[in-house]
Amino acid sequence: MTPDLIAALAGACRENGTVVEVSEAWRSPSARLVAMVRAAGVTLVPASDARYAAEVGRWQYLRRV
């Protein structure tokens, strides 16, 4: 996605109160997209999407982004 498309997406999310989920297990969205939507003032929430109970709340990707 181009920066212009991400900016449009982030703007639409902000204007509509859309919350963007950041997935630990799926490592998505990308660090670039997370940074751009965060800079646009979009609310981000963590999601573990863990397959095993021991993985719930173990944030590695989320700490990096």
C-alpha atoms as a PDB file:
ATOM      1  CA  MET A   1       0.000   0.000   0.000  1.00  0.00           C
ATOM      2  CA  THR A   2       1.206   3.463  -0.770  1.00  0.00           C
ATOM      3  CA  PRO A   3       1.571   6.077   1.979  1.00  0.00           C
ATOM      4  CA  ASP A   4      -1.375   7.984   0.455  1.00  0.00           C
ATOM      5  CA  LEU A   5      -3.638   4.936   0.704  1.00  0.00           C
ATOM      6  CA  ILE A   6      -2.567   4.287   4.284  1.00  0.00           C
ATOM      7  CA  ALA A   7      -3.200   7.940   5.145  1.00  0.00           C
ATOM      8  CA  ALA A   8      -6.695   7.687   3.639  1.00  0.00           C
ATOM      9  CA  LEU A   9      -7.371   4.469   5.562  1.00  0.00           C
ATOM     10  CA  ALA A  10      -6.092   5.980   8.816  1.00  0.00           C
ATOM     11  CA  GLY A  11      -8.194   9.091   8.286  1.00  0.00           C
ATOM     12  CA  ALA A  12     -11.326   7.037   7.681  1.00  0.00           C
ATOM     13  CA  CYS A  13     -10.628   4.951  10.788  1.00  0.00           C
ATOM     14  CA  ARG A  14     -10.147   8.071  12.905  1.00  0.00           C
ATOM     15  CA  GLU A  15     -13.239   9.823  11.530  1.00  0.00           C
ATOM     16  CA  ASN A  16     -15.449   6.770  12.087  1.00  0.00           C
ATOM     17  CA  GLY A  17     -14.048   5.779  15.469  1.00  0.00           C
ATOM     18  CA  THR A  18     -12.731   2.500  14.102  1.00  0.00           C
ATOM     19  CA  VAL A  19     -10.372   0.636  16.397  1.00  0.00           C
ATOM     20  CA  VAL A  20      -7.462  -1.179  14.731  1.00  0.00           C
ATOM     21  CA  GLU A  21      -6.443  -4.516  16.196  1.00  0.00           C
ATOM     22  CA  VAL A  22      -2.753  -5.441  16.197  1.00  0.00           C
ATOM     23  CA  SER A  23      -2.295  -9.216  16.175  1.00  0.00           C
ATOM     24  CA  GLU A  24       0.577 -10.819  18.042  1.00  0.00           C
ATOM     25  CA  ALA A  25       0.116 -14.221  16.411  1.00  0.00           C
ATOM     26  CA  TRP A  26      -0.346 -12.964  12.857  1.00  0.00           C
ATOM     27  CA  ARG A  27       2.170 -10.113  13.130  1.00  0.00           C
ATOM     28  CA  SER A  28      -0.252  -7.774  11.453  1.00  0.00           C
ATOM     29  CA  PRO A  29      -0.755  -5.078  10.487  1.00  0.00           C
ATOM     30  CA  SER A  30       2.808  -4.249   9.523  1.00  0.00           C
ATOM     31  CA  ALA A  31       4.974  -2.021  11.690  1.00  0.00           C
ATOM     32  CA  ARG A  32       4.765   0.699   9.013  1.00  0.00           C
ATOM     33  CA  LEU A  33       0.968   0.651   8.998  1.00  0.00           C
ATOM     34  CA  VAL A  34       0.808   0.610  12.809  1.00  0.00           C
ATOM     35  CA  ALA A  35       3.091   3.657  12.974  1.00  0.00           C
ATOM     36  CA  MET A  36       1.047   5.574  10.421  1.00  0.00           C
ATOM     37  CA  VAL A  37      -2.353   4.879  11.966  1.00  0.00           C
ATOM     38  CA  ARG A  38      -1.006   5.636  15.445  1.00  0.00           C
ATOM     39  CA  ALA A  39       0.378   8.945  14.173  1.00  0.00           C
ATOM     40  CA  ALA A  40      -3.069   9.703  12.735  1.00  0.00           C
ATOM     41  CA  GLY A  41      -4.639   9.303  16.171  1.00  0.00           C
ATOM     42  CA  VAL A  42      -6.347   5.964  15.550  1.00  0.00           C
ATOM     43  CA  THR A  43      -6.987   3.788  18.604  1.00  0.00           C
ATOM     44  CA  LEU A  44      -4.993   0.550  18.567  1.00  0.00           C
ATOM     45  CA  VAL A  45      -5.784  -2.535  20.625  1.00  0.00           C
ATOM     46  CA  PRO A  46      -3.707  -5.682  21.210  1.00  0.00           C
ATOM     47  CA  ALA A  47      -4.864  -9.136  20.182  1.00  0.00           C
ATOM     48  CA  SER A  48      -2.967 -12.272  21.092  1.00  0.00           C
ATOM     49  CA  ASP A  49      -4.837 -14.680  18.755  1.00  0.00           C
ATOM     50  CA  ALA A  50      -3.012 -17.332  20.776  1.00  0.00           C
ATOM     51  CA  ARG A  51      -3.384 -20.997  19.936  1.00  0.00           C
ATOM     52  CA  TYR A  52      -2.292 -22.092  23.410  1.00  0.00           C
ATOM     53  CA  ALA A  53      -3.204 -20.684  26.826  1.00  0.00           C
ATOM     54  CA  ALA A  54       0.464 -20.144  27.728  1.00  0.00           C
ATOM     55  CA  GLU A  55       0.807 -17.738  24.771  1.00  0.00           C
ATOM     56  CA  VAL A  56      -1.970 -15.370  25.902  1.00  0.00           C
ATOM     57  CA  GLY A  57      -0.532 -12.018  26.909  1.00  0.00           C
ATOM     58  CA  ARG A  58       2.980 -12.818  25.668  1.00  0.00           C
ATOM     59  CA  TRP A  59       3.710  -9.696  23.663  1.00  0.00           C
ATOM     60  CA  GLN A  60       6.798  -9.699  21.459  1.00  0.00           C
ATOM     61  CA  TYR A  61       5.629  -8.272  18.127  1.00  0.00           C
ATOM     62  CA  LEU A  62       3.421  -5.717  19.856  1.00  0.00           C
ATOM     63  CA  ARG A  63       6.341  -4.386  21.887  1.00  0.00           C
ATOM     64  CA  ARG A  64       8.361  -3.931  18.700  1.00  0.00           C
ATOM     65  CA  VAL A  65       5.667  -2.040  16.834  1.00  0.00           C
END
